[in-house]
Amino acid sequence: MKILAVEDDPVARAILHQALQRLGHEVIGARDGVEALQLLEKEPVRVIVSDWMMPEMDGLGLCRAVRGRVGADYVYFILLTGRTADVDNQREAIEAGVDDFLTKPLNLQEIWMRLRVAERILRYATEVRQLEAFLPICGYCKKVRDDQNYWQQIESYINERTGTDFSHSVCPDCYQRVVMPELDKLRAAPKPHPKPHVERTG
């Protein structure tokens, strides 16, 4: 993944940059939130790892600005800070839109785990956005056309892309409009007379 690493301290920024590269990611760096937003306009990324306390614009300000962008792809935001991870700090970070919260010094195993979670969430977010964007659906049978121009049931289409399973039921409108008339027809239909039993005599 391409990751935007935001850190005002040059030594800490170099350590973060090196750690993310060791994990196999492409990294671009920024010194504060203002520079990070400028880079984000030029080089869209889906993950930001940012320090909390920075001049000009801190990590929470950056996160709020990222969340405020209209029509942009979702960005997974990891806040890296030397502050204690107490309840108040975590609540403040989450209310700003932060996805994950890591304390310094940087632990390679912990950030690896967080980035694996980020990859999964971003993959699902992309799939859901594609589903929401446009679905060619038949007006009669309600089948959906996939990328290979193959028509399939909408349940199968969504299950293949998200793993979602469906349970089937009948909504109240369809019960009154479809099911009840069918039940009334069955009740009103004449019952077939049983065939007379004829005993054969030898």
N, C-alpha and C. Protein backbone atom coordinates (compact mmCIF):
# COMPACT_ATOMS: atom_id res chain seq x y z
N MET A 1 0.84 -1.20 0.00
CA MET A 1 0.00 0.00 0.00
C MET A 1 0.88 1.25 0.00
N LYS A 2 0.28 2.33 -0.49
CA LYS A 2 0.95 3.63 -0.38
C LYS A 2 0.45 4.28 0.91
N ILE A 3 1.40 4.66 1.78
CA ILE A 3 1.08 5.20 3.10
C ILE A 3 1.66 6.59 3.25
N LEU A 4 0.86 7.50 3.78
CA LEU A 4 1.33 8.84 4.09
C LEU A 4 1.73 8.87 5.56
N ALA A 5 3.02 9.08 5.82
CA ALA A 5 3.55 9.14 7.19
C ALA A 5 3.76 10.61 7.57
N VAL A 6 3.10 11.04 8.66
CA VAL A 6 3.12 12.45 9.05
C VAL A 6 3.76 12.57 10.44
N GLU A 7 4.89 13.25 10.48
CA GLU A 7 5.65 13.37 11.74
C GLU A 7 6.53 14.61 11.66
N ASP A 8 6.46 15.48 12.70
CA ASP A 8 7.23 16.72 12.65
C ASP A 8 8.68 16.53 13.05
N ASP A 9 8.96 15.54 13.90
CA ASP A 9 10.34 15.30 14.31
C ASP A 9 11.08 14.53 13.20
N PRO A 10 12.18 15.07 12.66
CA PRO A 10 12.85 14.43 11.53
C PRO A 10 13.39 13.04 11.84
N VAL A 11 13.88 12.82 13.07
CA VAL A 11 14.41 11.50 13.44
C VAL A 11 13.26 10.49 13.54
N ALA A 12 12.19 10.89 14.22
CA ALA A 12 11.03 9.99 14.35
C ALA A 12 10.41 9.72 12.98
N ARG A 13 10.40 10.73 12.10
CA ARG A 13 9.85 10.54 10.76
C ARG A 13 10.69 9.54 9.97
N ALA A 14 12.01 9.61 10.11
CA ALA A 14 12.90 8.67 9.42
C ALA A 14 12.69 7.25 9.92
N ILE A 15 12.52 7.10 11.25
CA ILE A 15 12.29 5.77 11.82
C ILE A 15 10.97 5.19 11.32
N LEU A 16 9.91 6.03 11.33
CA LEU A 16 8.61 5.58 10.85
C LEU A 16 8.67 5.21 9.38
N HIS A 17 9.32 6.03 8.58
CA HIS A 17 9.46 5.78 7.14
C HIS A 17 10.17 4.45 6.90
N GLN A 18 11.26 4.22 7.62
CA GLN A 18 12.03 2.99 7.46
C GLN A 18 11.21 1.76 7.88
N ALA A 19 10.47 1.89 8.99
CA ALA A 19 9.66 0.76 9.48
C ALA A 19 8.58 0.38 8.47
N LEU A 20 7.90 1.36 7.92
CA LEU A 20 6.84 1.08 6.94
C LEU A 20 7.40 0.48 5.66
N GLN A 21 8.57 0.95 5.26
CA GLN A 21 9.21 0.37 4.08
C GLN A 21 9.63 -1.08 4.33
N ARG A 22 10.12 -1.37 5.53
CA ARG A 22 10.49 -2.75 5.87
C ARG A 22 9.30 -3.69 5.79
N LEU A 23 8.11 -3.16 6.04
CA LEU A 23 6.89 -3.96 5.97
C LEU A 23 6.36 -4.07 4.53
N GLY A 24 7.10 -3.49 3.59
CA GLY A 24 6.76 -3.66 2.18
C GLY A 24 5.86 -2.60 1.60
N HIS A 25 5.74 -1.45 2.25
CA HIS A 25 4.84 -0.41 1.77
C HIS A 25 5.60 0.74 1.11
N GLU A 26 4.90 1.42 0.22
CA GLU A 26 5.43 2.64 -0.38
C GLU A 26 5.08 3.80 0.55
N VAL A 27 6.05 4.64 0.86
CA VAL A 27 5.84 5.67 1.88
C VAL A 27 6.14 7.05 1.32
N ILE A 28 5.24 8.00 1.61
CA ILE A 28 5.52 9.41 1.37
C ILE A 28 5.41 10.13 2.71
N GLY A 29 6.23 11.14 2.93
CA GLY A 29 6.30 11.77 4.25
C GLY A 29 5.87 13.22 4.23
N ALA A 30 5.36 13.67 5.40
CA ALA A 30 4.97 15.07 5.58
C ALA A 30 5.37 15.50 6.98
N ARG A 31 5.63 16.82 7.14
CA ARG A 31 6.10 17.33 8.44
C ARG A 31 4.97 17.74 9.37
N ASP A 32 3.78 17.99 8.82
CA ASP A 32 2.64 18.36 9.65
C ASP A 32 1.35 18.15 8.86
N GLY A 33 0.21 18.47 9.49
CA GLY A 33 -1.08 18.23 8.84
C GLY A 33 -1.30 19.06 7.59
N VAL A 34 -0.80 20.28 7.58
CA VAL A 34 -0.98 21.15 6.41
C VAL A 34 -0.28 20.56 5.19
N GLU A 35 0.98 20.17 5.38
CA GLU A 35 1.73 19.56 4.28
C GLU A 35 1.11 18.23 3.86
N ALA A 36 0.60 17.49 4.83
CA ALA A 36 -0.03 16.20 4.52
C ALA A 36 -1.25 16.38 3.63
N LEU A 37 -2.08 17.37 3.92
CA LEU A 37 -3.26 17.63 3.09
C LEU A 37 -2.88 18.03 1.67
N GLN A 38 -1.81 18.81 1.55
CA GLN A 38 -1.34 19.20 0.22
C GLN A 38 -0.87 17.98 -0.57
N LEU A 39 -0.14 17.08 0.10
CA LEU A 39 0.32 15.86 -0.56
C LEU A 39 -0.85 14.95 -0.93
N LEU A 40 -1.85 14.93 -0.07
CA LEU A 40 -3.01 14.06 -0.30
C LEU A 40 -3.77 14.47 -1.56
N GLU A 41 -3.76 15.75 -1.88
CA GLU A 41 -4.41 16.21 -3.10
C GLU A 41 -3.66 15.77 -4.35
N LYS A 42 -2.34 15.68 -4.24
CA LYS A 42 -1.52 15.31 -5.39
C LYS A 42 -1.35 13.80 -5.52
N GLU A 43 -1.19 13.12 -4.38
CA GLU A 43 -0.95 11.68 -4.38
C GLU A 43 -1.95 11.00 -3.44
N PRO A 44 -3.09 10.62 -3.97
CA PRO A 44 -4.11 9.99 -3.10
C PRO A 44 -3.57 8.72 -2.46
N VAL A 45 -3.77 8.59 -1.16
CA VAL A 45 -3.39 7.39 -0.42
C VAL A 45 -4.61 6.92 0.35
N ARG A 46 -4.58 5.65 0.76
CA ARG A 46 -5.71 5.10 1.51
C ARG A 46 -5.38 4.90 2.99
N VAL A 47 -4.11 5.10 3.39
CA VAL A 47 -3.71 4.94 4.79
C VAL A 47 -2.83 6.12 5.19
N ILE A 48 -3.14 6.68 6.37
CA ILE A 48 -2.30 7.72 6.96
C ILE A 48 -1.86 7.26 8.35
N VAL A 49 -0.56 7.35 8.60
CA VAL A 49 -0.02 7.12 9.95
C VAL A 49 0.52 8.48 10.40
N SER A 50 -0.11 9.05 11.43
CA SER A 50 0.23 10.43 11.79
C SER A 50 0.52 10.57 13.28
N ASP A 51 1.51 11.42 13.58
CA ASP A 51 1.76 11.83 14.96
C ASP A 51 0.59 12.71 15.42
N TRP A 52 0.38 12.76 16.73
CA TRP A 52 -0.70 13.58 17.27
C TRP A 52 -0.24 15.04 17.39
N MET A 53 0.82 15.29 18.19
CA MET A 53 1.25 16.64 18.50
C MET A 53 2.21 17.15 17.43
N MET A 54 1.72 18.13 16.63
CA MET A 54 2.54 18.72 15.56
C MET A 54 2.20 20.20 15.44
N PRO A 55 3.13 21.03 14.94
CA PRO A 55 2.82 22.45 14.71
C PRO A 55 1.89 22.61 13.50
N GLU A 56 1.38 23.81 13.34
CA GLU A 56 0.50 24.18 12.22
C GLU A 56 -0.84 23.44 12.30
N MET A 57 -0.83 22.14 12.08
CA MET A 57 -2.04 21.33 12.21
C MET A 57 -1.66 19.99 12.81
N ASP A 58 -2.28 19.64 13.94
CA ASP A 58 -1.91 18.39 14.60
C ASP A 58 -2.64 17.20 13.97
N GLY A 59 -2.39 16.01 14.55
CA GLY A 59 -2.96 14.79 13.97
C GLY A 59 -4.48 14.76 13.96
N LEU A 60 -5.11 15.25 15.03
CA LEU A 60 -6.57 15.26 15.07
C LEU A 60 -7.15 16.25 14.08
N GLY A 61 -6.50 17.40 13.94
CA GLY A 61 -6.95 18.37 12.94
C GLY A 61 -6.84 17.81 11.53
N LEU A 62 -5.75 17.09 11.29
CA LEU A 62 -5.58 16.44 9.99
C LEU A 62 -6.67 15.41 9.75
N CYS A 63 -6.95 14.61 10.76
CA CYS A 63 -7.97 13.58 10.60
C CYS A 63 -9.34 14.20 10.32
N ARG A 64 -9.68 15.25 11.04
CA ARG A 64 -10.97 15.92 10.80
C ARG A 64 -11.04 16.47 9.37
N ALA A 65 -9.94 17.03 8.89
CA ALA A 65 -9.91 17.56 7.53
C ALA A 65 -10.07 16.45 6.50
N VAL A 66 -9.43 15.30 6.75
CA VAL A 66 -9.54 14.15 5.84
C VAL A 66 -10.97 13.65 5.81
N ARG A 67 -11.59 13.54 6.98
CA ARG A 67 -12.97 13.05 7.06
C ARG A 67 -13.95 14.04 6.43
N GLY A 68 -13.58 15.32 6.36
CA GLY A 68 -14.47 16.33 5.82
C GLY A 68 -14.48 16.42 4.30
N ARG A 69 -13.60 15.68 3.63
CA ARG A 69 -13.55 15.73 2.17
C ARG A 69 -14.78 15.05 1.58
N VAL A 70 -15.41 15.70 0.65
CA VAL A 70 -16.64 15.18 0.04
C VAL A 70 -16.31 14.33 -1.18
N GLY A 71 -16.87 13.12 -1.24
CA GLY A 71 -16.72 12.26 -2.41
C GLY A 71 -15.39 11.54 -2.52
N ALA A 72 -14.53 11.68 -1.52
CA ALA A 72 -13.22 11.03 -1.57
C ALA A 72 -13.31 9.59 -1.06
N ASP A 73 -12.37 8.75 -1.49
CA ASP A 73 -12.30 7.39 -0.98
C ASP A 73 -11.97 7.43 0.52
N TYR A 74 -12.42 6.37 1.21
CA TYR A 74 -12.17 6.31 2.64
C TYR A 74 -10.68 6.12 2.90
N VAL A 75 -10.16 6.88 3.86
CA VAL A 75 -8.76 6.79 4.27
C VAL A 75 -8.71 6.22 5.68
N TYR A 76 -7.91 5.17 5.87
CA TYR A 76 -7.74 4.57 7.19
C TYR A 76 -6.69 5.38 7.93
N PHE A 77 -7.04 5.86 9.13
CA PHE A 77 -6.19 6.81 9.84
C PHE A 77 -5.69 6.19 11.15
N ILE A 78 -4.36 6.03 11.24
CA ILE A 78 -3.72 5.51 12.46
C ILE A 78 -3.00 6.66 13.15
N LEU A 79 -3.34 6.91 14.40
CA LEU A 79 -2.73 7.99 15.18
C LEU A 79 -1.61 7.41 16.03
N LEU A 80 -0.42 7.97 15.87
CA LEU A 80 0.77 7.52 16.60
C LEU A 80 1.19 8.64 17.55
N THR A 81 1.27 8.34 18.86
CA THR A 81 1.52 9.42 19.81
C THR A 81 2.28 8.94 21.03
N GLY A 82 2.96 9.88 21.67
CA GLY A 82 3.65 9.60 22.91
C GLY A 82 2.75 9.80 24.12
N ARG A 83 1.53 10.29 23.91
CA ARG A 83 0.60 10.48 25.03
C ARG A 83 0.08 9.13 25.51
N THR A 84 -0.31 9.07 26.75
CA THR A 84 -0.83 7.82 27.30
C THR A 84 -2.16 7.45 26.64
N ALA A 85 -2.37 6.16 26.46
CA ALA A 85 -3.58 5.69 25.80
C ALA A 85 -4.71 5.52 26.81
N ASP A 86 -5.00 6.60 27.58
CA ASP A 86 -6.09 6.49 28.55
C ASP A 86 -7.44 6.69 27.84
N VAL A 87 -8.50 6.53 28.62
CA VAL A 87 -9.85 6.57 28.04
C VAL A 87 -10.14 7.92 27.40
N ASP A 88 -9.76 9.02 28.05
CA ASP A 88 -10.05 10.36 27.52
C ASP A 88 -9.33 10.60 26.20
N ASN A 89 -8.06 10.22 26.12
CA ASN A 89 -7.30 10.40 24.88
C ASN A 89 -7.86 9.55 23.75
N GLN A 90 -8.21 8.31 24.06
CA GLN A 90 -8.78 7.44 23.03
C GLN A 90 -10.12 7.97 22.55
N ARG A 91 -10.95 8.46 23.48
CA ARG A 91 -12.25 9.01 23.09
C ARG A 91 -12.08 10.24 22.20
N GLU A 92 -11.15 11.12 22.57
CA GLU A 92 -10.90 12.32 21.77
C GLU A 92 -10.45 11.94 20.36
N ALA A 93 -9.59 10.93 20.26
CA ALA A 93 -9.10 10.49 18.95
C ALA A 93 -10.22 9.89 18.11
N ILE A 94 -11.02 9.04 18.72
CA ILE A 94 -12.10 8.38 17.98
C ILE A 94 -13.14 9.39 17.52
N GLU A 95 -13.46 10.36 18.37
CA GLU A 95 -14.44 11.38 17.98
C GLU A 95 -13.94 12.24 16.83
N ALA A 96 -12.62 12.35 16.67
CA ALA A 96 -12.06 13.09 15.54
C ALA A 96 -12.08 12.28 14.25
N GLY A 97 -12.37 10.97 14.37
CA GLY A 97 -12.44 10.12 13.18
C GLY A 97 -11.28 9.15 13.03
N VAL A 98 -10.43 9.06 14.06
CA VAL A 98 -9.27 8.16 14.01
C VAL A 98 -9.75 6.71 14.04
N ASP A 99 -9.12 5.86 13.23
CA ASP A 99 -9.48 4.44 13.18
C ASP A 99 -8.71 3.62 14.20
N ASP A 100 -7.46 3.98 14.44
CA ASP A 100 -6.62 3.20 15.35
C ASP A 100 -5.66 4.13 16.08
N PHE A 101 -5.19 3.66 17.23
CA PHE A 101 -4.44 4.50 18.16
C PHE A 101 -3.23 3.71 18.64
N LEU A 102 -2.03 4.18 18.33
CA LEU A 102 -0.80 3.51 18.75
C LEU A 102 0.07 4.46 19.55
N THR A 103 0.69 3.94 20.60
CA THR A 103 1.57 4.77 21.42
C THR A 103 3.04 4.56 21.03
N LYS A 104 3.83 5.59 21.20
CA LYS A 104 5.27 5.51 20.97
C LYS A 104 5.94 4.89 22.18
N PRO A 105 7.12 4.27 22.03
CA PRO A 105 7.89 4.11 20.79
C PRO A 105 7.24 3.11 19.84
N LEU A 106 7.52 3.28 18.57
CA LEU A 106 6.91 2.46 17.54
C LEU A 106 7.30 1.00 17.68
N ASN A 107 6.28 0.13 17.68
CA ASN A 107 6.49 -1.31 17.74
C ASN A 107 6.16 -1.90 16.37
N LEU A 108 7.14 -2.52 15.72
CA LEU A 108 6.97 -2.99 14.35
C LEU A 108 5.85 -4.03 14.23
N GLN A 109 5.78 -4.95 15.20
CA GLN A 109 4.75 -5.99 15.15
C GLN A 109 3.36 -5.39 15.28
N GLU A 110 3.21 -4.40 16.17
CA GLU A 110 1.90 -3.79 16.37
C GLU A 110 1.44 -3.04 15.13
N ILE A 111 2.33 -2.27 14.52
CA ILE A 111 1.91 -1.52 13.34
C ILE A 111 1.66 -2.44 12.16
N TRP A 112 2.39 -3.56 12.10
CA TRP A 112 2.12 -4.56 11.05
C TRP A 112 0.70 -5.10 11.19
N MET A 113 0.30 -5.42 12.42
CA MET A 113 -1.04 -5.94 12.66
C MET A 113 -2.09 -4.91 12.28
N ARG A 114 -1.87 -3.64 12.66
CA ARG A 114 -2.84 -2.58 12.37
C ARG A 114 -2.99 -2.38 10.86
N LEU A 115 -1.88 -2.48 10.15
CA LEU A 115 -1.93 -2.29 8.70
C LEU A 115 -2.62 -3.45 8.00
N ARG A 116 -2.50 -4.66 8.53
CA ARG A 116 -3.23 -5.80 7.96
C ARG A 116 -4.74 -5.59 8.12
N VAL A 117 -5.14 -5.09 9.28
CA VAL A 117 -6.55 -4.77 9.50
C VAL A 117 -7.00 -3.68 8.52
N ALA A 118 -6.15 -2.67 8.35
CA ALA A 118 -6.47 -1.57 7.43
C ALA A 118 -6.69 -2.10 6.01
N GLU A 119 -5.85 -3.02 5.57
CA GLU A 119 -5.99 -3.58 4.22
C GLU A 119 -7.34 -4.26 4.05
N ARG A 120 -7.75 -5.05 5.05
CA ARG A 120 -9.02 -5.76 4.96
C ARG A 120 -10.19 -4.77 4.92
N ILE A 121 -10.17 -3.79 5.81
CA ILE A 121 -11.27 -2.84 5.89
C ILE A 121 -11.37 -2.03 4.61
N LEU A 122 -10.24 -1.60 4.07
CA LEU A 122 -10.27 -0.81 2.84
C LEU A 122 -10.76 -1.64 1.65
N ARG A 123 -10.42 -2.94 1.64
CA ARG A 123 -10.91 -3.80 0.57
C ARG A 123 -12.43 -3.92 0.62
N TYR A 124 -12.96 -4.12 1.82
CA TYR A 124 -14.41 -4.22 1.96
C TYR A 124 -15.09 -2.89 1.65
N ALA A 125 -14.47 -1.79 2.08
CA ALA A 125 -15.05 -0.47 1.81
C ALA A 125 -15.12 -0.21 0.31
N THR A 126 -14.09 -0.61 -0.41
CA THR A 126 -14.08 -0.45 -1.87
C THR A 126 -15.16 -1.29 -2.52
N GLU A 127 -15.32 -2.54 -2.06
CA GLU A 127 -16.34 -3.42 -2.63
C GLU A 127 -17.74 -2.88 -2.38
N VAL A 128 -17.98 -2.39 -1.17
CA VAL A 128 -19.30 -1.84 -0.86
C VAL A 128 -19.57 -0.60 -1.68
N ARG A 129 -18.56 0.25 -1.85
CA ARG A 129 -18.76 1.46 -2.65
C ARG A 129 -19.06 1.11 -4.10
N GLN A 130 -18.40 0.09 -4.63
CA GLN A 130 -18.69 -0.33 -6.00
C GLN A 130 -20.10 -0.87 -6.12
N LEU A 131 -20.56 -1.61 -5.11
CA LEU A 131 -21.92 -2.12 -5.12
C LEU A 131 -22.93 -0.98 -5.07
N GLU A 132 -22.62 0.05 -4.25
CA GLU A 132 -23.54 1.16 -4.10
C GLU A 132 -23.56 2.07 -5.32
N ALA A 133 -22.43 2.12 -6.06
CA ALA A 133 -22.30 3.07 -7.15
C ALA A 133 -23.30 2.79 -8.28
N PHE A 134 -23.34 1.55 -8.76
CA PHE A 134 -24.22 1.25 -9.88
C PHE A 134 -24.36 -0.25 -10.03
N LEU A 135 -25.58 -0.72 -10.02
CA LEU A 135 -25.87 -2.13 -10.23
C LEU A 135 -26.87 -2.27 -11.36
N PRO A 136 -26.45 -2.80 -12.53
CA PRO A 136 -27.42 -3.06 -13.59
C PRO A 136 -28.32 -4.23 -13.18
N ILE A 137 -29.61 -3.96 -12.98
CA ILE A 137 -30.52 -4.96 -12.47
C ILE A 137 -31.74 -5.09 -13.37
N CYS A 138 -32.16 -6.30 -13.64
CA CYS A 138 -33.31 -6.55 -14.50
C CYS A 138 -34.59 -6.10 -13.79
N GLY A 139 -35.43 -5.35 -14.50
CA GLY A 139 -36.67 -4.85 -13.92
C GLY A 139 -37.73 -5.92 -13.73
N TYR A 140 -37.51 -7.11 -14.34
CA TYR A 140 -38.51 -8.17 -14.22
C TYR A 140 -38.10 -9.22 -13.19
N CYS A 141 -36.96 -9.85 -13.41
CA CYS A 141 -36.56 -10.95 -12.51
C CYS A 141 -35.61 -10.50 -11.41
N LYS A 142 -35.13 -9.22 -11.47
CA LYS A 142 -34.24 -8.65 -10.46
C LYS A 142 -32.85 -9.27 -10.42
N LYS A 143 -32.44 -9.94 -11.51
CA LYS A 143 -31.06 -10.42 -11.58
C LYS A 143 -30.12 -9.26 -11.86
N VAL A 144 -28.84 -9.44 -11.46
CA VAL A 144 -27.84 -8.40 -11.61
C VAL A 144 -26.82 -8.83 -12.64
N ARG A 145 -26.36 -7.87 -13.48
CA ARG A 145 -25.33 -8.18 -14.48
C ARG A 145 -23.97 -7.87 -13.91
N ASP A 146 -23.05 -8.86 -13.98
CA ASP A 146 -21.71 -8.65 -13.45
C ASP A 146 -20.77 -8.12 -14.52
N ASP A 147 -19.47 -8.04 -14.20
CA ASP A 147 -18.48 -7.47 -15.12
C ASP A 147 -18.30 -8.30 -16.39
N GLN A 148 -18.61 -9.60 -16.31
CA GLN A 148 -18.47 -10.48 -17.48
C GLN A 148 -19.77 -10.58 -18.28
N ASN A 149 -20.70 -9.65 -18.03
CA ASN A 149 -21.98 -9.61 -18.74
C ASN A 149 -22.83 -10.85 -18.47
N TYR A 150 -22.64 -11.42 -17.28
CA TYR A 150 -23.41 -12.60 -16.88
C TYR A 150 -24.46 -12.18 -15.86
N TRP A 151 -25.69 -12.64 -16.08
CA TRP A 151 -26.78 -12.28 -15.18
C TRP A 151 -26.92 -13.33 -14.09
N GLN A 152 -26.98 -12.87 -12.84
CA GLN A 152 -27.12 -13.80 -11.73
C GLN A 152 -28.00 -13.18 -10.64
N GLN A 153 -28.47 -14.03 -9.74
CA GLN A 153 -29.31 -13.55 -8.65
C GLN A 153 -28.51 -12.55 -7.80
N ILE A 154 -29.18 -11.52 -7.33
CA ILE A 154 -28.50 -10.47 -6.57
C ILE A 154 -27.86 -11.04 -5.30
N GLU A 155 -28.49 -12.08 -4.71
CA GLU A 155 -27.91 -12.68 -3.52
C GLU A 155 -26.53 -13.29 -3.83
N SER A 156 -26.44 -14.00 -4.97
CA SER A 156 -25.16 -14.62 -5.35
C SER A 156 -24.11 -13.56 -5.67
N TYR A 157 -24.54 -12.50 -6.33
CA TYR A 157 -23.63 -11.41 -6.72
C TYR A 157 -22.98 -10.79 -5.48
N ILE A 158 -23.80 -10.46 -4.47
CA ILE A 158 -23.27 -9.82 -3.27
C ILE A 158 -22.45 -10.80 -2.45
N ASN A 159 -22.90 -12.07 -2.39
CA ASN A 159 -22.17 -13.07 -1.60
C ASN A 159 -20.76 -13.28 -2.13
N GLU A 160 -20.59 -13.32 -3.46
CA GLU A 160 -19.28 -13.55 -4.06
C GLU A 160 -18.31 -12.41 -3.75
N ARG A 161 -18.85 -11.19 -3.61
CA ARG A 161 -17.97 -10.03 -3.46
C ARG A 161 -17.76 -9.62 -2.00
N THR A 162 -18.67 -9.96 -1.12
CA THR A 162 -18.54 -9.54 0.27
C THR A 162 -18.60 -10.68 1.27
N GLY A 163 -19.02 -11.88 0.82
CA GLY A 163 -19.16 -13.00 1.74
C GLY A 163 -20.45 -12.98 2.53
N THR A 164 -21.33 -12.02 2.22
CA THR A 164 -22.60 -11.89 2.95
C THR A 164 -23.55 -13.01 2.56
N ASP A 165 -24.14 -13.65 3.56
CA ASP A 165 -25.18 -14.65 3.32
C ASP A 165 -26.55 -14.04 3.58
N PHE A 166 -27.56 -14.59 2.93
CA PHE A 166 -28.91 -14.06 3.05
C PHE A 166 -29.86 -15.10 3.61
N SER A 167 -30.76 -14.65 4.46
CA SER A 167 -31.90 -15.48 4.86
C SER A 167 -33.13 -14.88 4.17
N HIS A 168 -34.05 -15.70 3.75
CA HIS A 168 -35.18 -15.22 2.97
C HIS A 168 -36.46 -15.25 3.78
N SER A 169 -37.23 -14.22 3.61
CA SER A 169 -38.52 -14.12 4.28
C SER A 169 -39.47 -13.37 3.35
N VAL A 170 -40.63 -12.99 3.86
CA VAL A 170 -41.63 -12.26 3.08
C VAL A 170 -41.98 -10.99 3.84
N CYS A 171 -41.87 -9.85 3.15
CA CYS A 171 -42.21 -8.59 3.81
C CYS A 171 -43.73 -8.47 3.95
N PRO A 172 -44.23 -7.62 4.85
CA PRO A 172 -45.69 -7.50 5.05
C PRO A 172 -46.45 -7.11 3.79
N ASP A 173 -45.88 -6.23 2.96
CA ASP A 173 -46.58 -5.82 1.72
C ASP A 173 -46.76 -7.00 0.78
N CYS A 174 -45.68 -7.77 0.58
CA CYS A 174 -45.78 -8.92 -0.32
C CYS A 174 -46.68 -10.01 0.26
N TYR A 175 -46.70 -10.13 1.59
CA TYR A 175 -47.59 -11.11 2.21
C TYR A 175 -49.05 -10.79 1.89
N GLN A 176 -49.41 -9.50 2.01
CA GLN A 176 -50.79 -9.10 1.72
C GLN A 176 -51.09 -9.14 0.23
N ARG A 177 -50.12 -8.73 -0.60
CA ARG A 177 -50.36 -8.59 -2.03
C ARG A 177 -50.26 -9.91 -2.79
N VAL A 178 -49.35 -10.81 -2.33
CA VAL A 178 -49.09 -12.04 -3.09
C VAL A 178 -49.53 -13.29 -2.34
N VAL A 179 -49.04 -13.41 -1.10
CA VAL A 179 -49.26 -14.66 -0.37
C VAL A 179 -50.73 -14.85 -0.01
N MET A 180 -51.38 -13.82 0.56
CA MET A 180 -52.78 -13.96 0.96
C MET A 180 -53.70 -14.33 -0.19
N PRO A 181 -53.60 -13.65 -1.38
CA PRO A 181 -54.46 -14.07 -2.50
C PRO A 181 -54.23 -15.52 -2.92
N GLU A 182 -52.95 -15.96 -2.88
CA GLU A 182 -52.69 -17.36 -3.23
C GLU A 182 -53.32 -18.32 -2.23
N LEU A 183 -53.26 -17.97 -0.95
CA LEU A 183 -53.90 -18.80 0.06
C LEU A 183 -55.41 -18.82 -0.11
N ASP A 184 -56.00 -17.66 -0.45
CA ASP A 184 -57.45 -17.59 -0.68
C ASP A 184 -57.86 -18.46 -1.86
N LYS A 185 -57.04 -18.47 -2.93
CA LYS A 185 -57.33 -19.30 -4.09
C LYS A 185 -57.32 -20.77 -3.73
N LEU A 186 -56.33 -21.15 -2.92
CA LEU A 186 -56.24 -22.56 -2.51
C LEU A 186 -57.45 -22.96 -1.67
N ARG A 187 -57.90 -22.05 -0.80
CA ARG A 187 -59.06 -22.37 0.04
C ARG A 187 -60.33 -22.48 -0.79
N ALA A 188 -60.45 -21.61 -1.81
CA ALA A 188 -61.68 -21.58 -2.61
C ALA A 188 -61.73 -22.66 -3.68
N ALA A 189 -60.58 -23.20 -4.01
CA ALA A 189 -60.55 -24.23 -5.07
C ALA A 189 -61.31 -25.47 -4.62
N PRO A 190 -62.15 -26.04 -5.54
CA PRO A 190 -62.90 -27.26 -5.17
C PRO A 190 -61.94 -28.41 -4.89
N LYS A 191 -62.28 -29.11 -3.84
CA LYS A 191 -61.44 -30.25 -3.48
C LYS A 191 -61.75 -31.42 -4.40
N PRO A 192 -60.75 -32.10 -4.89
CA PRO A 192 -61.02 -33.25 -5.77
C PRO A 192 -61.72 -34.37 -4.99
N HIS A 193 -62.76 -34.98 -5.69
CA HIS A 193 -63.47 -36.08 -5.05
C HIS A 193 -62.59 -37.32 -5.08
N PRO A 194 -62.59 -38.05 -3.99
CA PRO A 194 -61.79 -39.27 -4.00
C PRO A 194 -62.38 -40.31 -4.95
N LYS A 195 -61.51 -41.01 -5.63
CA LYS A 195 -61.98 -42.04 -6.55
C LYS A 195 -62.60 -43.19 -5.76
N PRO A 196 -63.75 -43.66 -6.28
CA PRO A 196 -64.38 -44.80 -5.55
C PRO A 196 -63.48 -46.01 -5.54
N HIS A 197 -63.47 -46.66 -4.43
CA HIS A 197 -62.63 -47.84 -4.27
C HIS A 197 -63.39 -49.07 -4.80
N VAL A 198 -62.83 -49.68 -5.78
CA VAL A 198 -63.48 -50.85 -6.40
C VAL A 198 -62.69 -52.10 -6.01
N GLU A 199 -63.39 -52.99 -5.39
CA GLU A 199 -62.74 -54.24 -5.01
C GLU A 199 -62.83 -55.23 -6.14
N ARG A 200 -61.73 -55.78 -6.46
CA ARG A 200 -61.72 -56.80 -7.52
C ARG A 200 -62.04 -58.18 -6.91
N THR A 201 -62.87 -58.83 -7.60
CA THR A 201 -63.19 -60.19 -7.16
C THR A 201 -62.63 -61.17 -8.16
N GLY A 202 -62.04 -62.16 -7.70
CA GLY A 202 -61.41 -63.12 -8.60
C GLY A 202 -62.36 -64.19 -8.89
